[in-house]
Amino acid sequence: MARRARRLSRQLCLAMMMVSCGWPLLANAEDTLIWLLRDLPPLTIFEGPQKGQGALDELLPMLKERLPEYRHQILHVNRARGTQMLREPSFTCDPSLLWTPERASYVVFSAQAFVVVSNGVMIRRSKEAAMAAYIVDGQFDLQAFLEAHNARLGAIAERSYGPAIDERLKHAAPHRLALHYGNDALGSLLQMQRLGRLEAVLGYWTEIRYHAQQQGIDPQDLVFFPIKGSAPYQRTYIGCSDTAQGRQAIERINAVLRDIPQGQVQQSYASWLDPVMRERYLSDNPSFFQEAPAP
């Protein structure tokens, strides 16, 4: 009871602050903002002993607390369902989107919300010598790999890996790609790779490490490479359906993002990185929010 009273008091104070700062409480008290969450360990963790301990699991309550004019509903979806709902005239937002030209046609994006280590390619350590032709100065030549006659790359269907990588996948021969649609798509791809049915897996290193451990695969048996020509980090955004409600919500979200203690969220994400990558990420961290480009 005391906790609820404190929470109501905080919400009232926030509402008074918004009015005093010139923010009109335009949202109807009945407006329900639906947050679309996908199972993206270690950003969002739906099940297991670390349930709710992902980096975005920490960010979302901060957003909800600072947006008291809305009712908040969490909806667990897969990528296909999330995309469908964002395309509909609904009041839905996704807190972990990459910007792409296609999405910009039906989603209104916030300012930068988060920064993650970019997608890369993972191979099994035992196959590193056989894959040496595609490894140049510690980076993976994805284009050359996709043009090879005997190569197969595992990827999650309907996921965006960023505009540049998406474009390469779009023009790759279908038999070069193993696209998985299942709920445990990445875990299935890792098992396919272990069985020799594909040579490489595309994804975030933190997510691959997490799922490898869930599948009983030692991460030490895997090697991760950044993709040749790609930036080391990817900026993520909060995206809402491009409706009047969604555009108004993004204005509010942009305002509260400036007040959220980003260091706490970044530290939570960094804890999932391997030691070398963690040190580099935290060292680069201060520059993430300096002159962050608009999506």
C-alpha atoms as a PDB file:
ATOM      1  CA  MET A   1       0.000   0.000   0.000  1.00  0.00           C
ATOM      2  CA  ALA A   2       2.800   2.399   0.919  1.00  0.00           C
ATOM      3  CA  ARG A   3       4.647   1.583  -2.303  1.00  0.00           C
ATOM      4  CA  ARG A   4       1.521   2.284  -4.353  1.00  0.00           C
ATOM      5  CA  ALA A   5       1.024   5.595  -2.569  1.00  0.00           C
ATOM      6  CA  ARG A   6       4.625   6.618  -3.308  1.00  0.00           C
ATOM      7  CA  ARG A   7       4.195   5.675  -6.942  1.00  0.00           C
ATOM      8  CA  LEU A   8       0.993   7.713  -7.264  1.00  0.00           C
ATOM      9  CA  SER A   9       2.750  10.633  -5.596  1.00  0.00           C
ATOM     10  CA  ARG A  10       5.632  10.432  -8.105  1.00  0.00           C
ATOM     11  CA  GLN A  11       3.220  10.272 -11.008  1.00  0.00           C
ATOM     12  CA  LEU A  12       1.349  13.323  -9.734  1.00  0.00           C
ATOM     13  CA  CYS A  13       4.614  15.238  -9.371  1.00  0.00           C
ATOM     14  CA  LEU A  14       5.632  14.281 -12.912  1.00  0.00           C
ATOM     15  CA  ALA A  15       2.283  15.418 -14.251  1.00  0.00           C
ATOM     16  CA  MET A  16       2.635  18.768 -12.438  1.00  0.00           C
ATOM     17  CA  MET A  17       6.164  19.143 -13.815  1.00  0.00           C
ATOM     18  CA  MET A  18       4.928  18.549 -17.365  1.00  0.00           C
ATOM     19  CA  VAL A  19       2.304  21.244 -17.002  1.00  0.00           C
ATOM     20  CA  SER A  20       4.781  23.680 -15.465  1.00  0.00           C
ATOM     21  CA  CYS A  21       7.237  22.991 -18.307  1.00  0.00           C
ATOM     22  CA  GLY A  22       4.612  23.681 -20.910  1.00  0.00           C
ATOM     23  CA  TRP A  23       3.725  20.079 -21.799  1.00  0.00           C
ATOM     24  CA  PRO A  24      -0.056  19.869 -22.215  1.00  0.00           C
ATOM     25  CA  LEU A  25      -1.631  16.682 -20.979  1.00  0.00           C
ATOM     26  CA  LEU A  26      -3.241  15.965 -24.321  1.00  0.00           C
ATOM     27  CA  ALA A  27      -3.428  12.218 -23.907  1.00  0.00           C
ATOM     28  CA  ASN A  28      -6.801  10.969 -22.826  1.00  0.00           C
ATOM     29  CA  ALA A  29      -6.768   9.210 -19.467  1.00  0.00           C
ATOM     30  CA  GLU A  30      -8.152   6.154 -21.234  1.00  0.00           C
ATOM     31  CA  ASP A  31      -5.340   6.022 -23.811  1.00  0.00           C
ATOM     32  CA  THR A  32      -3.461   2.745 -23.540  1.00  0.00           C
ATOM     33  CA  LEU A  33       0.040   2.619 -24.959  1.00  0.00           C
ATOM     34  CA  ILE A  34       0.827  -0.946 -26.004  1.00  0.00           C
ATOM     35  CA  TRP A  35       4.516  -1.791 -25.765  1.00  0.00           C
ATOM     36  CA  LEU A  36       5.544  -4.524 -28.187  1.00  0.00           C
ATOM     37  CA  LEU A  37       8.297  -6.669 -26.713  1.00  0.00           C
ATOM     38  CA  ARG A  38      10.161  -9.415 -28.493  1.00  0.00           C
ATOM     39  CA  ASP A  39      12.259 -12.062 -26.791  1.00  0.00           C
ATOM     40  CA  LEU A  40      15.703 -10.578 -27.493  1.00  0.00           C
ATOM     41  CA  PRO A  41      18.102 -11.803 -24.810  1.00  0.00           C
ATOM     42  CA  PRO A  42      19.960 -10.144 -23.282  1.00  0.00           C
ATOM     43  CA  LEU A  43      17.991  -6.969 -24.050  1.00  0.00           C
ATOM     44  CA  THR A  44      14.651  -8.485 -23.096  1.00  0.00           C
ATOM     45  CA  ILE A  45      14.438 -11.853 -21.345  1.00  0.00           C
ATOM     46  CA  PHE A  46      11.043 -13.546 -21.153  1.00  0.00           C
ATOM     47  CA  GLU A  47      11.869 -16.814 -19.407  1.00  0.00           C
ATOM     48  CA  GLY A  48      14.424 -18.525 -17.180  1.00  0.00           C
ATOM     49  CA  PRO A  49      16.311 -17.514 -14.040  1.00  0.00           C
ATOM     50  CA  GLN A  50      17.306 -14.148 -15.592  1.00  0.00           C
ATOM     51  CA  LYS A  51      13.769 -13.259 -16.625  1.00  0.00           C
ATOM     52  CA  GLY A  52      13.224  -9.501 -16.691  1.00  0.00           C
ATOM     53  CA  GLN A  53      16.910  -8.696 -16.160  1.00  0.00           C
ATOM     54  CA  GLY A  54      17.747  -7.534 -19.681  1.00  0.00           C
ATOM     55  CA  ALA A  55      18.969  -4.026 -20.444  1.00  0.00           C
ATOM     56  CA  LEU A  56      15.693  -2.963 -22.052  1.00  0.00           C
ATOM     57  CA  ASP A  57      13.817  -4.666 -19.226  1.00  0.00           C
ATOM     58  CA  GLU A  58      15.417  -1.955 -17.075  1.00  0.00           C
ATOM     59  CA  LEU A  59      14.729   0.889 -19.495  1.00  0.00           C
ATOM     60  CA  LEU A  60      11.024   0.251 -20.009  1.00  0.00           C
ATOM     61  CA  PRO A  61       9.911   0.808 -16.375  1.00  0.00           C
ATOM     62  CA  MET A  62      11.777   4.135 -16.427  1.00  0.00           C
ATOM     63  CA  LEU A  63       9.840   5.155 -19.533  1.00  0.00           C
ATOM     64  CA  LYS A  64       6.524   4.049 -18.092  1.00  0.00           C
ATOM     65  CA  GLU A  65       7.090   5.950 -14.850  1.00  0.00           C
ATOM     66  CA  ARG A  66       7.875   9.130 -16.761  1.00  0.00           C
ATOM     67  CA  LEU A  67       4.785   8.808 -18.970  1.00  0.00           C
ATOM     68  CA  PRO A  68       2.010   8.818 -16.351  1.00  0.00           C
ATOM     69  CA  GLU A  69      -0.558  10.243 -18.749  1.00  0.00           C
ATOM     70  CA  TYR A  70      -0.839   6.830 -20.424  1.00  0.00           C
ATOM     71  CA  ARG A  71      -1.951   3.446 -19.315  1.00  0.00           C
ATOM     72  CA  HIS A  72       0.791   0.972 -20.253  1.00  0.00           C
ATOM     73  CA  GLN A  73       0.270  -2.541 -21.540  1.00  0.00           C
ATOM     74  CA  ILE A  74       3.031  -5.039 -22.337  1.00  0.00           C
ATOM     75  CA  LEU A  75       2.438  -7.394 -25.226  1.00  0.00           C
ATOM     76  CA  HIS A  76       4.882 -10.186 -26.115  1.00  0.00           C
ATOM     77  CA  VAL A  77       5.076 -10.628 -29.875  1.00  0.00           C
ATOM     78  CA  ASN A  78       7.314 -12.133 -32.518  1.00  0.00           C
ATOM     79  CA  ARG A  79       8.806  -9.943 -35.226  1.00  0.00           C
ATOM     80  CA  ALA A  80       6.052 -10.658 -37.782  1.00  0.00           C
ATOM     81  CA  ARG A  81       3.228  -9.829 -35.364  1.00  0.00           C
ATOM     82  CA  GLY A  82       5.028  -6.734 -34.088  1.00  0.00           C
ATOM     83  CA  THR A  83       5.470  -5.427 -37.622  1.00  0.00           C
ATOM     84  CA  GLN A  84       1.826  -6.090 -38.422  1.00  0.00           C
ATOM     85  CA  MET A  85       0.642  -4.144 -35.369  1.00  0.00           C
ATOM     86  CA  LEU A  86       2.943  -1.192 -36.086  1.00  0.00           C
ATOM     87  CA  ARG A  87       1.503  -1.027 -39.603  1.00  0.00           C
ATOM     88  CA  GLU A  88      -2.049  -0.927 -38.262  1.00  0.00           C
ATOM     89  CA  PRO A  89      -3.746   2.276 -37.007  1.00  0.00           C
ATOM     90  CA  SER A  90      -3.140   1.215 -33.419  1.00  0.00           C
ATOM     91  CA  PHE A  91      -1.421   2.881 -30.466  1.00  0.00           C
ATOM     92  CA  THR A  92       1.628   0.622 -30.311  1.00  0.00           C
ATOM     93  CA  CYS A  93       5.323   1.270 -29.702  1.00  0.00           C
ATOM     94  CA  ASP A  94       8.421  -0.921 -29.937  1.00  0.00           C
ATOM     95  CA  PRO A  95      11.330   0.119 -27.669  1.00  0.00           C
ATOM     96  CA  SER A  96      14.052  -1.651 -29.666  1.00  0.00           C
ATOM     97  CA  LEU A  97      13.929  -0.815 -33.366  1.00  0.00           C
ATOM     98  CA  LEU A  98      16.637  -0.205 -35.910  1.00  0.00           C
ATOM     99  CA  TRP A  99      15.807   2.534 -38.388  1.00  0.00           C
ATOM    100  CA  THR A 100      15.255   1.380 -41.958  1.00  0.00           C
ATOM    101  CA  PRO A 101      13.743   3.257 -44.920  1.00  0.00           C
ATOM    102  CA  GLU A 102      10.901   0.733 -45.127  1.00  0.00           C
ATOM    103  CA  ARG A 103       9.979   1.101 -41.460  1.00  0.00           C
ATOM    104  CA  ALA A 104      10.108   4.873 -41.715  1.00  0.00           C
ATOM    105  CA  SER A 105       7.096   4.670 -44.054  1.00  0.00           C
ATOM    106  CA  TYR A 106       4.818   3.425 -41.274  1.00  0.00           C
ATOM    107  CA  VAL A 107       6.708   4.086 -37.995  1.00  0.00           C
ATOM    108  CA  VAL A 108       7.550   7.386 -36.309  1.00  0.00           C
ATOM    109  CA  PHE A 109      10.930   7.126 -34.588  1.00  0.00           C
ATOM    110  CA  SER A 110      12.232   8.667 -31.388  1.00  0.00           C
ATOM    111  CA  ALA A 111      15.617  10.206 -30.847  1.00  0.00           C
ATOM    112  CA  GLN A 112      18.363   7.689 -30.166  1.00  0.00           C
ATOM    113  CA  ALA A 113      17.337   5.463 -27.260  1.00  0.00           C
ATOM    114  CA  PHE A 114      20.115   2.903 -27.005  1.00  0.00           C
ATOM    115  CA  VAL A 115      23.388   1.757 -28.565  1.00  0.00           C
ATOM    116  CA  VAL A 116      24.413  -1.854 -29.124  1.00  0.00           C
ATOM    117  CA  VAL A 117      27.420  -3.594 -30.608  1.00  0.00           C
ATOM    118  CA  SER A 118      26.607  -4.131 -34.276  1.00  0.00           C
ATOM    119  CA  ASN A 119      25.489  -7.372 -35.826  1.00  0.00           C
ATOM    120  CA  GLY A 120      28.260  -9.632 -37.011  1.00  0.00           C
ATOM    121  CA  VAL A 121      28.966 -13.145 -38.179  1.00  0.00           C
ATOM    122  CA  MET A 122      29.659 -16.092 -35.908  1.00  0.00           C
ATOM    123  CA  ILE A 123      31.467 -19.248 -36.977  1.00  0.00           C
ATOM    124  CA  ARG A 124      32.560 -22.296 -35.038  1.00  0.00           C
ATOM    125  CA  ARG A 125      36.170 -22.091 -33.872  1.00  0.00           C
ATOM    126  CA  SER A 126      36.886 -25.502 -35.411  1.00  0.00           C
ATOM    127  CA  LYS A 127      35.962 -24.078 -38.844  1.00  0.00           C
ATOM    128  CA  GLU A 128      38.002 -20.890 -38.569  1.00  0.00           C
ATOM    129  CA  ALA A 129      40.809 -22.117 -40.827  1.00  0.00           C
ATOM    130  CA  ALA A 130      38.327 -23.260 -43.489  1.00  0.00           C
ATOM    131  CA  MET A 131      36.680 -19.824 -43.412  1.00  0.00           C
ATOM    132  CA  ALA A 132      39.946 -17.871 -43.545  1.00  0.00           C
ATOM    133  CA  ALA A 133      39.256 -16.646 -47.099  1.00  0.00           C
ATOM    134  CA  TYR A 134      36.387 -14.509 -45.774  1.00  0.00           C
ATOM    135  CA  ILE A 135      38.246 -13.038 -42.774  1.00  0.00           C
ATOM    136  CA  VAL A 136      40.142  -9.844 -43.609  1.00  0.00           C
ATOM    137  CA  ASP A 137      41.954  -7.913 -40.857  1.00  0.00           C
ATOM    138  CA  GLY A 138      39.706  -9.413 -38.209  1.00  0.00           C
ATOM    139  CA  GLN A 139      36.515  -8.605 -40.109  1.00  0.00           C
ATOM    140  CA  PHE A 140      34.163 -10.868 -42.030  1.00  0.00           C
ATOM    141  CA  ASP A 141      33.657 -10.227 -45.757  1.00  0.00           C
ATOM    142  CA  LEU A 142      29.933 -10.953 -45.901  1.00  0.00           C
ATOM    143  CA  GLN A 143      29.587 -10.055 -49.574  1.00  0.00           C
ATOM    144  CA  ALA A 144      32.292 -12.510 -50.643  1.00  0.00           C
ATOM    145  CA  PHE A 145      30.760 -15.191 -48.426  1.00  0.00           C
ATOM    146  CA  LEU A 146      27.299 -14.761 -49.945  1.00  0.00           C
ATOM    147  CA  GLU A 147      28.781 -15.032 -53.433  1.00  0.00           C
ATOM    148  CA  ALA A 148      30.575 -18.304 -52.646  1.00  0.00           C
ATOM    149  CA  HIS A 149      29.200 -21.459 -54.250  1.00  0.00           C
ATOM    150  CA  ASN A 150      29.149 -23.641 -51.144  1.00  0.00           C
ATOM    151  CA  ALA A 151      28.287 -21.191 -48.357  1.00  0.00           C
ATOM    152  CA  ARG A 152      25.144 -20.968 -46.214  1.00  0.00           C
ATOM    153  CA  LEU A 153      24.356 -18.202 -43.775  1.00  0.00           C
ATOM    154  CA  GLY A 154      21.813 -18.553 -40.988  1.00  0.00           C
ATOM    155  CA  ALA A 155      19.585 -15.556 -40.229  1.00  0.00           C
ATOM    156  CA  ILE A 156      16.266 -14.832 -38.548  1.00  0.00           C
ATOM    157  CA  ALA A 157      13.449 -14.248 -41.017  1.00  0.00           C
ATOM    158  CA  GLU A 158      11.856 -10.775 -41.125  1.00  0.00           C
ATOM    159  CA  ARG A 159      14.441  -9.273 -38.791  1.00  0.00           C
ATOM    160  CA  SER A 160      16.309  -6.138 -39.811  1.00  0.00           C
ATOM    161  CA  TYR A 161      20.074  -6.295 -39.364  1.00  0.00           C
ATOM    162  CA  GLY A 162      20.486  -2.684 -40.459  1.00  0.00           C
ATOM    163  CA  PRO A 163      19.979  -1.143 -43.934  1.00  0.00           C
ATOM    164  CA  ALA A 164      23.380  -2.144 -45.378  1.00  0.00           C
ATOM    165  CA  ILE A 165      23.200  -5.793 -44.289  1.00  0.00           C
ATOM    166  CA  ASP A 166      19.505  -6.039 -45.211  1.00  0.00           C
ATOM    167  CA  GLU A 167      20.364  -4.925 -48.740  1.00  0.00           C
ATOM    168  CA  ARG A 168      23.025  -7.629 -49.091  1.00  0.00           C
ATOM    169  CA  LEU A 169      20.643 -10.308 -47.840  1.00  0.00           C
ATOM    170  CA  LYS A 170      17.934  -9.061 -50.186  1.00  0.00           C
ATOM    171  CA  HIS A 171      20.151  -9.673 -53.220  1.00  0.00           C
ATOM    172  CA  ALA A 172      21.670 -12.951 -52.028  1.00  0.00           C
ATOM    173  CA  ALA A 173      20.729 -16.166 -53.787  1.00  0.00           C
ATOM    174  CA  PRO A 174      17.951 -17.880 -51.772  1.00  0.00           C
ATOM    175  CA  HIS A 175      19.921 -21.119 -51.410  1.00  0.00           C
ATOM    176  CA  ARG A 176      22.738 -19.173 -49.688  1.00  0.00           C
ATOM    177  CA  LEU A 177      20.427 -18.254 -46.806  1.00  0.00           C
ATOM    178  CA  ALA A 178      18.891 -20.374 -44.076  1.00  0.00           C
ATOM    179  CA  LEU A 179      16.059 -18.164 -42.794  1.00  0.00           C
ATOM    180  CA  HIS A 180      14.336 -19.368 -39.638  1.00  0.00           C
ATOM    181  CA  TYR A 181      10.857 -18.242 -38.583  1.00  0.00           C
ATOM    182  CA  GLY A 182      10.434 -20.177 -35.323  1.00  0.00           C
ATOM    183  CA  ASN A 183      10.015 -18.743 -31.827  1.00  0.00           C
ATOM    184  CA  ASP A 184      13.476 -20.036 -30.930  1.00  0.00           C
ATOM    185  CA  ALA A 185      14.912 -19.140 -34.311  1.00  0.00           C
ATOM    186  CA  LEU A 186      18.452 -18.356 -33.183  1.00  0.00           C
ATOM    187  CA  GLY A 187      18.715 -21.468 -31.027  1.00  0.00           C
ATOM    188  CA  SER A 188      17.607 -23.573 -33.999  1.00  0.00           C
ATOM    189  CA  LEU A 189      20.172 -21.907 -36.265  1.00  0.00           C
ATOM    190  CA  LEU A 190      22.939 -22.649 -33.748  1.00  0.00           C
ATOM    191  CA  GLN A 191      21.934 -26.302 -33.722  1.00  0.00           C
ATOM    192  CA  MET A 192      21.894 -26.370 -37.544  1.00  0.00           C
ATOM    193  CA  GLN A 193      25.391 -24.933 -37.525  1.00  0.00           C
ATOM    194  CA  ARG A 194      26.596 -27.499 -34.990  1.00  0.00           C
ATOM    195  CA  LEU A 195      25.246 -30.237 -37.266  1.00  0.00           C
ATOM    196  CA  GLY A 196      27.153 -28.791 -40.242  1.00  0.00           C
ATOM    197  CA  ARG A 197      24.050 -27.667 -42.149  1.00  0.00           C
ATOM    198  CA  LEU A 198      25.294 -24.070 -42.385  1.00  0.00           C
ATOM    199  CA  GLU A 199      28.659 -22.398 -41.989  1.00  0.00           C
ATOM    200  CA  ALA A 200      27.881 -19.056 -40.332  1.00  0.00           C
ATOM    201  CA  VAL A 201      25.196 -17.331 -38.279  1.00  0.00           C
ATOM    202  CA  LEU A 202      24.317 -13.647 -38.459  1.00  0.00           C
ATOM    203  CA  GLY A 203      23.369 -11.785 -35.305  1.00  0.00           C
ATOM    204  CA  TYR A 204      24.330  -9.865 -32.184  1.00  0.00           C
ATOM    205  CA  TRP A 205      27.205 -11.426 -30.262  1.00  0.00           C
ATOM    206  CA  THR A 206      25.465 -10.926 -26.911  1.00  0.00           C
ATOM    207  CA  GLU A 207      22.334 -12.678 -28.166  1.00  0.00           C
ATOM    208  CA  ILE A 208      24.320 -15.496 -29.777  1.00  0.00           C
ATOM    209  CA  ARG A 209      26.288 -16.093 -26.565  1.00  0.00           C
ATOM    210  CA  TYR A 210      23.098 -16.179 -24.510  1.00  0.00           C
ATOM    211  CA  HIS A 211      21.340 -18.663 -26.802  1.00  0.00           C
ATOM    212  CA  ALA A 212      24.456 -20.812 -27.185  1.00  0.00           C
ATOM    213  CA  GLN A 213      24.535 -21.320 -23.418  1.00  0.00           C
ATOM    214  CA  GLN A 214      20.827 -22.183 -23.456  1.00  0.00           C
ATOM    215  CA  GLN A 215      21.556 -24.795 -26.140  1.00  0.00           C
ATOM    216  CA  GLY A 216      24.452 -26.322 -24.206  1.00  0.00           C
ATOM    217  CA  ILE A 217      27.036 -24.855 -26.608  1.00  0.00           C
ATOM    218  CA  ASP A 218      30.200 -23.469 -25.056  1.00  0.00           C
ATOM    219  CA  PRO A 219      30.651 -19.850 -26.280  1.00  0.00           C
ATOM    220  CA  GLN A 220      34.408 -20.508 -26.224  1.00  0.00           C
ATOM    221  CA  ASP A 221      33.812 -22.814 -29.203  1.00  0.00           C
ATOM    222  CA  LEU A 222      32.443 -19.893 -31.213  1.00  0.00           C
ATOM    223  CA  VAL A 223      34.200 -16.942 -32.860  1.00  0.00           C
ATOM    224  CA  PHE A 224      32.475 -13.645 -33.644  1.00  0.00           C
ATOM    225  CA  PHE A 225      33.578 -11.218 -36.358  1.00  0.00           C
ATOM    226  CA  PRO A 226      32.335  -7.715 -37.166  1.00  0.00           C
ATOM    227  CA  ILE A 227      31.205  -7.331 -40.759  1.00  0.00           C
ATOM    228  CA  LYS A 228      33.588  -5.650 -43.163  1.00  0.00           C
ATOM    229  CA  GLY A 229      32.490  -2.085 -43.888  1.00  0.00           C
ATOM    230  CA  SER A 230      30.026  -1.892 -40.986  1.00  0.00           C
ATOM    231  CA  ALA A 231      30.111   0.571 -38.094  1.00  0.00           C
ATOM    232  CA  PRO A 232      31.082  -0.982 -34.754  1.00  0.00           C
ATOM    233  CA  TYR A 233      27.826   0.098 -33.079  1.00  0.00           C
ATOM    234  CA  GLN A 234      24.188   0.365 -34.059  1.00  0.00           C
ATOM    235  CA  ARG A 235      21.814   2.976 -32.723  1.00  0.00           C
ATOM    236  CA  THR A 236      18.367   1.781 -31.722  1.00  0.00           C
ATOM    237  CA  TYR A 237      15.192   3.790 -31.409  1.00  0.00           C
ATOM    238  CA  ILE A 238      11.721   3.649 -29.961  1.00  0.00           C
ATOM    239  CA  GLY A 239       9.204   3.435 -32.770  1.00  0.00           C
ATOM    240  CA  CYS A 240       5.446   4.001 -32.624  1.00  0.00           C
ATOM    241  CA  SER A 241       2.724   3.533 -35.199  1.00  0.00           C
ATOM    242  CA  ASP A 242       2.632   6.610 -37.411  1.00  0.00           C
ATOM    243  CA  THR A 243      -0.714   7.875 -36.145  1.00  0.00           C
ATOM    244  CA  ALA A 244      -1.727  11.039 -34.294  1.00  0.00           C
ATOM    245  CA  GLN A 245      -1.396   9.180 -30.984  1.00  0.00           C
ATOM    246  CA  GLY A 246       1.951   7.681 -31.997  1.00  0.00           C
ATOM    247  CA  ARG A 247       3.399  11.020 -33.058  1.00  0.00           C
ATOM    248  CA  GLN A 248       2.268  12.665 -29.829  1.00  0.00           C
ATOM    249  CA  ALA A 249       3.763   9.806 -27.802  1.00  0.00           C
ATOM    250  CA  ILE A 250       7.115  10.160 -29.566  1.00  0.00           C
ATOM    251  CA  GLU A 251       7.229  13.853 -28.656  1.00  0.00           C
ATOM    252  CA  ARG A 252       6.760  12.904 -25.018  1.00  0.00           C
ATOM    253  CA  ILE A 253       9.220  10.003 -25.251  1.00  0.00           C
ATOM    254  CA  ASN A 254      11.896  12.276 -26.711  1.00  0.00           C
ATOM    255  CA  ALA A 255      11.434  14.615 -23.771  1.00  0.00           C
ATOM    256  CA  VAL A 256      11.799  11.915 -21.122  1.00  0.00           C
ATOM    257  CA  LEU A 257      14.725  10.158 -22.831  1.00  0.00           C
ATOM    258  CA  ARG A 258      16.877  13.155 -21.983  1.00  0.00           C
ATOM    259  CA  ASP A 259      16.225  12.610 -18.278  1.00  0.00           C
ATOM    260  CA  ILE A 260      16.732   8.848 -18.100  1.00  0.00           C
ATOM    261  CA  PRO A 261      20.042   7.739 -16.510  1.00  0.00           C
ATOM    262  CA  GLN A 262      21.488   6.119 -19.619  1.00  0.00           C
ATOM    263  CA  GLY A 263      24.649   5.051 -17.815  1.00  0.00           C
ATOM    264  CA  GLN A 264      22.685   2.547 -15.743  1.00  0.00           C
ATOM    265  CA  VAL A 265      21.124   0.980 -18.832  1.00  0.00           C
ATOM    266  CA  GLN A 266      24.424   0.901 -20.713  1.00  0.00           C
ATOM    267  CA  GLN A 267      26.140  -0.800 -17.767  1.00  0.00           C
ATOM    268  CA  SER A 268      23.417  -3.436 -17.709  1.00  0.00           C
ATOM    269  CA  TYR A 269      23.973  -4.170 -21.399  1.00  0.00           C
ATOM    270  CA  ALA A 270      27.772  -4.141 -21.060  1.00  0.00           C
ATOM    271  CA  SER A 271      27.610  -6.842 -18.388  1.00  0.00           C
ATOM    272  CA  TRP A 272      26.555  -9.305 -21.110  1.00  0.00           C
ATOM    273  CA  LEU A 273      29.576  -8.608 -23.321  1.00  0.00           C
ATOM    274  CA  ASP A 274      32.816 -10.566 -23.162  1.00  0.00           C
ATOM    275  CA  PRO A 275      35.548  -8.747 -21.175  1.00  0.00           C
ATOM    276  CA  VAL A 276      37.446  -7.301 -24.163  1.00  0.00           C
ATOM    277  CA  MET A 277      34.304  -6.087 -25.935  1.00  0.00           C
ATOM    278  CA  ARG A 278      32.892  -4.751 -22.651  1.00  0.00           C
ATOM    279  CA  GLU A 279      35.959  -2.607 -21.996  1.00  0.00           C
ATOM    280  CA  ARG A 280      35.855  -1.156 -25.509  1.00  0.00           C
ATOM    281  CA  TYR A 281      32.100  -0.514 -25.352  1.00  0.00           C
ATOM    282  CA  LEU A 282      32.289   1.332 -22.021  1.00  0.00           C
ATOM    283  CA  SER A 283      35.305   3.313 -23.216  1.00  0.00           C
ATOM    284  CA  ASP A 284      33.376   4.445 -26.303  1.00  0.00           C
ATOM    285  CA  ASN A 285      30.188   5.011 -24.293  1.00  0.00           C
ATOM    286  CA  PRO A 286      30.629   8.769 -23.607  1.00  0.00           C
ATOM    287  CA  SER A 287      30.543   9.527 -27.342  1.00  0.00           C
ATOM    288  CA  PHE A 288      27.288   7.670 -27.970  1.00  0.00           C
ATOM    289  CA  PHE A 289      25.034  10.565 -27.075  1.00  0.00           C
ATOM    290  CA  GLN A 290      27.161  13.382 -28.407  1.00  0.00           C
ATOM    291  CA  GLU A 291      25.628  14.767 -31.576  1.00  0.00           C
ATOM    292  CA  ALA A 292      23.613  11.582 -32.054  1.00  0.00           C
ATOM    293  CA  PRO A 293      22.173  11.774 -35.579  1.00  0.00           C
ATOM    294  CA  ALA A 294      18.428  11.757 -36.100  1.00  0.00           C
ATOM    295  CA  PRO A 295      17.128   8.526 -37.657  1.00  0.00           C
END
